[in-house]
Amino acid sequence: MKKTVFIILMGAALLSTTLTASTNVTTMKADKAVAADPNDSYAEIKFDATTQNLGKFPSSDPIRKCVFTFTNTGTAPLVIHQALASCGCTVPNFSKTPIKPGEKGQIEVTYNGTGKFQGHFQKTITVRSNAKNEVVRLTIAGDMTE
């Protein structure tokens, strides 16, 4: 019985070592395939700021707007595919027109606190694009008072 348990444990250890070595080789191959060619063109989105504080405002005037400005620092046109807010009270608006390399663009965000609880809030906007950094998260925060 002890021999059987020992053989099973040794087999499992050998299999684990083989799988780990195989995974490392695959990872190295994947890294080589992903390595960027200096001649390839790509878009890259760089925001001036990824967070904005809307400050304190009364619930009697619950709508606030802000603008996130970005630059395409890549070498190919940038296309924003999607901007999704974490809540229906936050609405992002952006241009579907490609942004040329070196040009700036904007995402306007409107927060509507009508009927929402007073106090501190924080909302995120997930921006998806064809950029090298495909997903960027923006954050707005503020305090709605009485």
N, C-alpha and C. Protein backbone atom coordinates (compact mmCIF):
# COMPACT_ATOMS: atom_id res chain seq x y z
N MET A 1 0.82 -1.18 0.00
CA MET A 1 0.00 0.00 0.00
C MET A 1 0.87 1.25 0.00
N LYS A 2 1.94 1.26 0.80
CA LYS A 2 2.82 2.41 0.86
C LYS A 2 3.51 2.63 -0.48
N LYS A 3 3.87 1.52 -1.16
CA LYS A 3 4.52 1.64 -2.46
C LYS A 3 3.56 2.27 -3.48
N THR A 4 2.32 1.90 -3.45
CA THR A 4 1.33 2.42 -4.40
C THR A 4 1.15 3.92 -4.20
N VAL A 5 1.01 4.36 -2.95
CA VAL A 5 0.86 5.78 -2.65
C VAL A 5 2.10 6.54 -3.10
N PHE A 6 3.28 5.98 -2.83
CA PHE A 6 4.54 6.62 -3.22
C PHE A 6 4.62 6.76 -4.75
N ILE A 7 4.24 5.73 -5.48
CA ILE A 7 4.29 5.77 -6.95
C ILE A 7 3.31 6.81 -7.49
N ILE A 8 2.13 6.89 -6.90
CA ILE A 8 1.14 7.87 -7.34
C ILE A 8 1.66 9.29 -7.09
N LEU A 9 2.24 9.53 -5.91
CA LEU A 9 2.77 10.86 -5.60
C LEU A 9 3.92 11.24 -6.53
N MET A 10 4.79 10.31 -6.81
CA MET A 10 5.92 10.58 -7.72
C MET A 10 5.41 10.88 -9.13
N GLY A 11 4.41 10.14 -9.57
CA GLY A 11 3.83 10.38 -10.90
C GLY A 11 3.20 11.76 -10.98
N ALA A 12 2.49 12.15 -9.93
CA ALA A 12 1.86 13.47 -9.89
C ALA A 12 2.91 14.58 -9.91
N ALA A 13 3.99 14.39 -9.17
CA ALA A 13 5.07 15.39 -9.15
C ALA A 13 5.72 15.51 -10.52
N LEU A 14 5.95 14.40 -11.17
CA LEU A 14 6.56 14.41 -12.50
C LEU A 14 5.63 15.09 -13.51
N LEU A 15 4.35 14.77 -13.45
CA LEU A 15 3.37 15.37 -14.34
C LEU A 15 3.30 16.88 -14.11
N SER A 16 3.32 17.31 -12.87
CA SER A 16 3.27 18.73 -12.53
C SER A 16 4.48 19.46 -13.10
N THR A 17 5.66 18.87 -12.96
CA THR A 17 6.89 19.46 -13.49
C THR A 17 6.83 19.57 -15.00
N THR A 18 6.34 18.54 -15.65
CA THR A 18 6.22 18.54 -17.11
C THR A 18 5.25 19.62 -17.58
N LEU A 19 4.09 19.75 -16.92
CA LEU A 19 3.12 20.77 -17.30
C LEU A 19 3.67 22.17 -17.09
N THR A 20 4.40 22.39 -16.00
CA THR A 20 4.98 23.70 -15.73
C THR A 20 5.99 24.06 -16.80
N ALA A 21 6.84 23.13 -17.18
CA ALA A 21 7.84 23.38 -18.21
C ALA A 21 7.15 23.66 -19.54
N SER A 22 6.11 22.92 -19.85
CA SER A 22 5.36 23.12 -21.09
C SER A 22 4.71 24.49 -21.12
N THR A 23 4.15 24.92 -19.99
CA THR A 23 3.51 26.23 -19.90
C THR A 23 4.53 27.34 -20.12
N ASN A 24 5.72 27.20 -19.54
CA ASN A 24 6.75 28.22 -19.71
C ASN A 24 7.16 28.35 -21.17
N VAL A 25 7.28 27.26 -21.88
CA VAL A 25 7.66 27.30 -23.29
C VAL A 25 6.56 27.99 -24.09
N THR A 26 5.30 27.66 -23.81
CA THR A 26 4.19 28.28 -24.50
C THR A 26 4.17 29.78 -24.25
N THR A 27 4.41 30.18 -23.00
CA THR A 27 4.42 31.60 -22.66
C THR A 27 5.52 32.33 -23.42
N MET A 28 6.69 31.71 -23.51
CA MET A 28 7.78 32.34 -24.23
C MET A 28 7.42 32.48 -25.71
N LYS A 29 6.79 31.47 -26.29
CA LYS A 29 6.39 31.55 -27.69
C LYS A 29 5.35 32.65 -27.87
N ALA A 30 4.42 32.75 -26.92
CA ALA A 30 3.38 33.77 -27.02
C ALA A 30 4.00 35.16 -26.92
N ASP A 31 4.99 35.33 -26.03
CA ASP A 31 5.65 36.63 -25.90
C ASP A 31 6.33 37.03 -27.20
N LYS A 32 6.96 36.08 -27.89
CA LYS A 32 7.61 36.39 -29.15
C LYS A 32 6.58 36.78 -30.20
N ALA A 33 5.43 36.11 -30.20
CA ALA A 33 4.39 36.41 -31.19
C ALA A 33 3.80 37.80 -30.94
N VAL A 34 3.76 38.24 -29.68
CA VAL A 34 3.15 39.52 -29.33
C VAL A 34 4.14 40.67 -29.48
N ALA A 35 5.42 40.36 -29.51
CA ALA A 35 6.43 41.41 -29.58
C ALA A 35 6.13 42.36 -30.74
N ALA A 36 6.17 43.65 -30.46
CA ALA A 36 5.80 44.65 -31.45
C ALA A 36 6.90 44.84 -32.49
N ASP A 37 6.48 44.92 -33.71
CA ASP A 37 7.38 45.23 -34.82
C ASP A 37 7.48 46.75 -34.89
N PRO A 38 8.68 47.32 -34.89
CA PRO A 38 8.81 48.77 -34.91
C PRO A 38 8.15 49.41 -36.13
N ASN A 39 7.91 48.64 -37.18
CA ASN A 39 7.27 49.17 -38.39
C ASN A 39 5.75 49.13 -38.30
N ASP A 40 5.20 48.42 -37.30
CA ASP A 40 3.75 48.35 -37.14
C ASP A 40 3.22 49.69 -36.63
N SER A 41 2.03 50.04 -37.10
CA SER A 41 1.39 51.25 -36.59
C SER A 41 0.31 50.83 -35.60
N TYR A 42 0.07 51.67 -34.63
CA TYR A 42 -0.93 51.38 -33.60
C TYR A 42 -1.45 52.69 -33.04
N ALA A 43 -2.66 52.64 -32.50
CA ALA A 43 -3.24 53.79 -31.81
C ALA A 43 -2.94 53.65 -30.32
N GLU A 44 -2.85 54.76 -29.65
CA GLU A 44 -2.65 54.74 -28.20
C GLU A 44 -3.38 55.94 -27.60
N ILE A 45 -4.20 55.67 -26.59
CA ILE A 45 -5.00 56.74 -25.98
C ILE A 45 -4.37 57.14 -24.65
N LYS A 46 -4.16 58.45 -24.49
CA LYS A 46 -3.57 58.97 -23.25
C LYS A 46 -4.47 60.11 -22.75
N PHE A 47 -5.08 59.90 -21.58
CA PHE A 47 -5.96 60.90 -21.00
C PHE A 47 -5.16 61.92 -20.20
N ASP A 48 -5.60 63.19 -20.25
CA ASP A 48 -4.97 64.22 -19.42
C ASP A 48 -5.17 63.88 -17.94
N ALA A 49 -6.36 63.35 -17.60
CA ALA A 49 -6.67 62.90 -16.24
C ALA A 49 -7.71 61.80 -16.36
N THR A 50 -7.63 60.80 -15.50
CA THR A 50 -8.61 59.70 -15.53
C THR A 50 -9.63 59.80 -14.40
N THR A 51 -9.49 60.81 -13.55
CA THR A 51 -10.46 61.03 -12.47
C THR A 51 -10.87 62.51 -12.46
N GLN A 52 -12.13 62.74 -12.10
CA GLN A 52 -12.60 64.11 -11.95
C GLN A 52 -13.53 64.17 -10.74
N ASN A 53 -13.34 65.22 -9.94
CA ASN A 53 -14.18 65.43 -8.77
C ASN A 53 -15.19 66.52 -9.13
N LEU A 54 -16.47 66.18 -9.05
CA LEU A 54 -17.53 67.13 -9.37
C LEU A 54 -17.85 68.05 -8.20
N GLY A 55 -17.20 67.83 -7.06
CA GLY A 55 -17.37 68.70 -5.89
C GLY A 55 -18.70 68.47 -5.18
N LYS A 56 -19.07 69.46 -4.37
CA LYS A 56 -20.35 69.41 -3.64
C LYS A 56 -21.37 70.20 -4.42
N PHE A 57 -22.58 69.64 -4.48
CA PHE A 57 -23.68 70.35 -5.14
C PHE A 57 -24.99 69.91 -4.51
N PRO A 58 -26.01 70.79 -4.56
CA PRO A 58 -27.28 70.48 -3.91
C PRO A 58 -28.14 69.53 -4.73
N SER A 59 -28.98 68.77 -4.04
CA SER A 59 -29.88 67.84 -4.73
C SER A 59 -30.95 68.60 -5.53
N SER A 60 -31.10 69.89 -5.25
CA SER A 60 -32.05 70.70 -6.02
C SER A 60 -31.49 71.04 -7.41
N ASP A 61 -30.20 70.84 -7.61
CA ASP A 61 -29.52 71.07 -8.90
C ASP A 61 -28.62 69.85 -9.15
N PRO A 62 -29.22 68.68 -9.45
CA PRO A 62 -28.48 67.41 -9.42
C PRO A 62 -27.69 67.03 -10.68
N ILE A 63 -27.73 67.84 -11.72
CA ILE A 63 -27.05 67.44 -12.96
C ILE A 63 -25.70 68.14 -13.07
N ARG A 64 -24.67 67.34 -13.28
CA ARG A 64 -23.31 67.85 -13.42
C ARG A 64 -22.67 67.24 -14.66
N LYS A 65 -21.84 68.05 -15.32
CA LYS A 65 -21.12 67.58 -16.51
C LYS A 65 -19.63 67.80 -16.33
N CYS A 66 -18.85 66.94 -16.97
CA CYS A 66 -17.41 67.11 -17.00
C CYS A 66 -16.89 66.54 -18.32
N VAL A 67 -15.67 66.90 -18.66
CA VAL A 67 -15.08 66.46 -19.92
C VAL A 67 -13.72 65.83 -19.64
N PHE A 68 -13.52 64.65 -20.19
CA PHE A 68 -12.22 63.98 -20.14
C PHE A 68 -11.56 64.18 -21.51
N THR A 69 -10.40 64.79 -21.53
CA THR A 69 -9.68 65.05 -22.77
C THR A 69 -8.56 64.02 -22.92
N PHE A 70 -8.40 63.53 -24.15
CA PHE A 70 -7.35 62.54 -24.42
C PHE A 70 -6.62 62.90 -25.70
N THR A 71 -5.45 62.28 -25.89
CA THR A 71 -4.64 62.46 -27.09
C THR A 71 -4.32 61.09 -27.65
N ASN A 72 -4.33 60.97 -28.97
CA ASN A 72 -3.87 59.74 -29.63
C ASN A 72 -2.36 59.88 -29.76
N THR A 73 -1.62 59.21 -28.90
CA THR A 73 -0.16 59.28 -28.92
C THR A 73 0.45 58.16 -29.76
N GLY A 74 -0.39 57.43 -30.46
CA GLY A 74 0.09 56.34 -31.31
C GLY A 74 0.40 56.82 -32.71
N THR A 75 0.52 55.86 -33.63
CA THR A 75 0.88 56.16 -35.01
C THR A 75 -0.22 55.79 -36.00
N ALA A 76 -1.37 55.36 -35.50
CA ALA A 76 -2.52 55.01 -36.35
C ALA A 76 -3.76 55.71 -35.81
N PRO A 77 -4.81 55.85 -36.61
CA PRO A 77 -6.04 56.48 -36.13
C PRO A 77 -6.64 55.71 -34.95
N LEU A 78 -7.17 56.47 -33.99
CA LEU A 78 -7.79 55.91 -32.79
C LEU A 78 -9.30 55.93 -32.95
N VAL A 79 -9.94 54.80 -32.68
CA VAL A 79 -11.39 54.71 -32.74
C VAL A 79 -11.91 54.24 -31.39
N ILE A 80 -12.78 55.03 -30.78
CA ILE A 80 -13.40 54.60 -29.53
C ILE A 80 -14.63 53.78 -29.91
N HIS A 81 -14.64 52.54 -29.47
CA HIS A 81 -15.74 51.63 -29.79
C HIS A 81 -16.90 51.78 -28.81
N GLN A 82 -16.56 52.06 -27.54
CA GLN A 82 -17.58 51.99 -26.51
C GLN A 82 -17.13 52.78 -25.29
N ALA A 83 -18.08 53.42 -24.63
CA ALA A 83 -17.86 54.04 -23.32
C ALA A 83 -19.07 53.69 -22.48
N LEU A 84 -18.87 52.82 -21.49
CA LEU A 84 -19.96 52.32 -20.66
C LEU A 84 -19.82 52.81 -19.23
N ALA A 85 -20.90 53.35 -18.69
CA ALA A 85 -20.91 53.82 -17.31
C ALA A 85 -21.35 52.70 -16.37
N SER A 86 -20.92 52.79 -15.12
CA SER A 86 -21.26 51.77 -14.12
C SER A 86 -22.69 51.92 -13.62
N CYS A 87 -23.36 53.00 -14.01
CA CYS A 87 -24.71 53.28 -13.50
C CYS A 87 -25.49 54.06 -14.56
N GLY A 88 -26.79 53.88 -14.59
CA GLY A 88 -27.62 54.59 -15.55
C GLY A 88 -27.70 56.09 -15.30
N CYS A 89 -27.27 56.53 -14.13
CA CYS A 89 -27.30 57.96 -13.81
C CYS A 89 -26.12 58.70 -14.43
N THR A 90 -25.20 57.95 -15.03
CA THR A 90 -24.01 58.53 -15.64
C THR A 90 -24.02 58.19 -17.12
N VAL A 91 -23.94 59.23 -17.96
CA VAL A 91 -24.02 59.01 -19.41
C VAL A 91 -22.79 59.61 -20.09
N PRO A 92 -21.95 58.76 -20.70
CA PRO A 92 -20.81 59.26 -21.46
C PRO A 92 -21.22 59.53 -22.91
N ASN A 93 -20.62 60.55 -23.51
CA ASN A 93 -20.89 60.90 -24.90
C ASN A 93 -19.54 61.12 -25.58
N PHE A 94 -19.34 60.49 -26.74
CA PHE A 94 -18.06 60.59 -27.43
C PHE A 94 -18.27 60.56 -28.94
N SER A 95 -17.29 61.05 -29.66
CA SER A 95 -17.35 61.08 -31.12
C SER A 95 -16.95 59.72 -31.68
N LYS A 96 -17.64 59.28 -32.70
CA LYS A 96 -17.33 58.01 -33.35
C LYS A 96 -16.30 58.20 -34.48
N THR A 97 -15.94 59.46 -34.73
CA THR A 97 -14.96 59.78 -35.77
C THR A 97 -13.56 59.39 -35.31
N PRO A 98 -12.77 58.73 -36.18
CA PRO A 98 -11.39 58.37 -35.80
C PRO A 98 -10.56 59.62 -35.46
N ILE A 99 -9.73 59.49 -34.44
CA ILE A 99 -8.84 60.56 -34.01
C ILE A 99 -7.46 60.25 -34.60
N LYS A 100 -6.94 61.17 -35.39
CA LYS A 100 -5.65 60.97 -36.05
C LYS A 100 -4.51 61.02 -35.03
N PRO A 101 -3.37 60.41 -35.36
CA PRO A 101 -2.21 60.46 -34.46
C PRO A 101 -1.86 61.92 -34.12
N GLY A 102 -1.64 62.17 -32.83
CA GLY A 102 -1.28 63.51 -32.37
C GLY A 102 -2.47 64.41 -32.08
N GLU A 103 -3.68 64.03 -32.50
CA GLU A 103 -4.86 64.86 -32.27
C GLU A 103 -5.51 64.54 -30.93
N LYS A 104 -6.33 65.50 -30.47
CA LYS A 104 -7.04 65.35 -29.20
C LYS A 104 -8.51 65.01 -29.45
N GLY A 105 -9.12 64.40 -28.45
CA GLY A 105 -10.54 64.09 -28.47
C GLY A 105 -11.10 64.27 -27.07
N GLN A 106 -12.42 64.11 -26.94
CA GLN A 106 -13.07 64.30 -25.64
C GLN A 106 -14.14 63.26 -25.41
N ILE A 107 -14.35 62.97 -24.14
CA ILE A 107 -15.51 62.20 -23.71
C ILE A 107 -16.22 63.07 -22.68
N GLU A 108 -17.45 63.45 -23.02
CA GLU A 108 -18.24 64.27 -22.11
C GLU A 108 -19.09 63.33 -21.26
N VAL A 109 -19.09 63.56 -19.96
CA VAL A 109 -19.84 62.71 -19.03
C VAL A 109 -20.86 63.57 -18.29
N THR A 110 -22.10 63.09 -18.28
CA THR A 110 -23.17 63.78 -17.56
C THR A 110 -23.64 62.89 -16.41
N TYR A 111 -23.62 63.45 -15.21
CA TYR A 111 -24.13 62.75 -14.03
C TYR A 111 -25.48 63.38 -13.67
N ASN A 112 -26.50 62.54 -13.51
CA ASN A 112 -27.83 63.02 -13.13
C ASN A 112 -28.22 62.36 -11.80
N GLY A 113 -28.16 63.14 -10.72
CA GLY A 113 -28.46 62.62 -9.39
C GLY A 113 -29.92 62.73 -8.99
N THR A 114 -30.80 63.04 -9.94
CA THR A 114 -32.23 63.16 -9.64
C THR A 114 -32.75 61.86 -9.04
N GLY A 115 -33.34 61.96 -7.85
CA GLY A 115 -33.91 60.79 -7.18
C GLY A 115 -32.89 59.88 -6.54
N LYS A 116 -31.63 60.26 -6.55
CA LYS A 116 -30.57 59.42 -5.95
C LYS A 116 -30.34 59.84 -4.51
N PHE A 117 -29.71 58.96 -3.76
CA PHE A 117 -29.40 59.25 -2.36
C PHE A 117 -28.37 60.37 -2.29
N GLN A 118 -28.55 61.19 -1.27
CA GLN A 118 -27.58 62.25 -1.03
C GLN A 118 -26.33 61.66 -0.42
N GLY A 119 -25.23 62.36 -0.58
CA GLY A 119 -23.97 61.91 -0.03
C GLY A 119 -22.93 61.71 -1.12
N HIS A 120 -21.88 61.03 -0.74
CA HIS A 120 -20.75 60.82 -1.65
C HIS A 120 -21.10 59.75 -2.69
N PHE A 121 -20.66 59.95 -3.91
CA PHE A 121 -20.82 58.94 -4.96
C PHE A 121 -19.53 58.84 -5.77
N GLN A 122 -19.36 57.69 -6.38
CA GLN A 122 -18.23 57.46 -7.28
C GLN A 122 -18.71 56.55 -8.40
N LYS A 123 -18.51 56.96 -9.63
CA LYS A 123 -18.96 56.20 -10.80
C LYS A 123 -17.77 55.99 -11.73
N THR A 124 -17.79 54.87 -12.46
CA THR A 124 -16.72 54.61 -13.42
C THR A 124 -17.28 54.54 -14.83
N ILE A 125 -16.44 54.91 -15.77
CA ILE A 125 -16.76 54.81 -17.19
C ILE A 125 -15.65 53.96 -17.81
N THR A 126 -16.04 52.86 -18.44
CA THR A 126 -15.07 51.98 -19.08
C THR A 126 -15.03 52.33 -20.56
N VAL A 127 -13.85 52.73 -21.02
CA VAL A 127 -13.66 53.13 -22.42
C VAL A 127 -12.93 52.02 -23.14
N ARG A 128 -13.53 51.54 -24.24
CA ARG A 128 -12.91 50.51 -25.08
C ARG A 128 -12.61 51.10 -26.45
N SER A 129 -11.39 50.83 -26.92
CA SER A 129 -10.97 51.40 -28.21
C SER A 129 -10.04 50.43 -28.93
N ASN A 130 -9.58 50.85 -30.10
CA ASN A 130 -8.62 50.04 -30.85
C ASN A 130 -7.19 50.35 -30.43
N ALA A 131 -7.01 51.07 -29.34
CA ALA A 131 -5.69 51.47 -28.88
C ALA A 131 -4.89 50.28 -28.35
N LYS A 132 -3.60 50.48 -28.28
CA LYS A 132 -2.70 49.48 -27.71
C LYS A 132 -3.16 49.14 -26.29
N ASN A 133 -3.56 50.16 -25.53
CA ASN A 133 -4.17 49.97 -24.21
C ASN A 133 -5.68 49.98 -24.43
N GLU A 134 -6.25 48.83 -24.74
CA GLU A 134 -7.63 48.70 -25.22
C GLU A 134 -8.70 49.19 -24.26
N VAL A 135 -8.46 49.05 -22.95
CA VAL A 135 -9.47 49.42 -21.96
C VAL A 135 -8.87 50.43 -20.99
N VAL A 136 -9.61 51.53 -20.79
CA VAL A 136 -9.21 52.55 -19.82
C VAL A 136 -10.43 52.83 -18.96
N ARG A 137 -10.23 52.96 -17.66
CA ARG A 137 -11.34 53.27 -16.75
C ARG A 137 -11.20 54.71 -16.26
N LEU A 138 -12.28 55.46 -16.44
CA LEU A 138 -12.36 56.83 -15.95
C LEU A 138 -13.25 56.84 -14.72
N THR A 139 -13.03 57.80 -13.83
CA THR A 139 -13.80 57.86 -12.59
C THR A 139 -14.28 59.29 -12.34
N ILE A 140 -15.56 59.41 -11.97
CA ILE A 140 -16.08 60.69 -11.48
C ILE A 140 -16.54 60.47 -10.04
N ALA A 141 -16.45 61.51 -9.25
CA ALA A 141 -16.88 61.44 -7.86
C ALA A 141 -17.42 62.80 -7.44
N GLY A 142 -18.20 62.81 -6.40
CA GLY A 142 -18.74 64.06 -5.89
C GLY A 142 -19.58 63.83 -4.65
N ASP A 143 -20.14 64.93 -4.15
CA ASP A 143 -21.00 64.88 -2.97
C ASP A 143 -22.27 65.66 -3.25
N MET A 144 -23.39 64.96 -3.26
CA MET A 144 -24.67 65.63 -3.43
C MET A 144 -25.26 65.89 -2.05
N THR A 145 -25.53 67.14 -1.77
CA THR A 145 -26.02 67.52 -0.44
C THR A 145 -27.49 67.91 -0.51
N GLU A 146 -28.08 68.19 0.64
CA GLU A 146 -29.49 68.57 0.71
C GLU A 146 -29.79 69.87 0.04
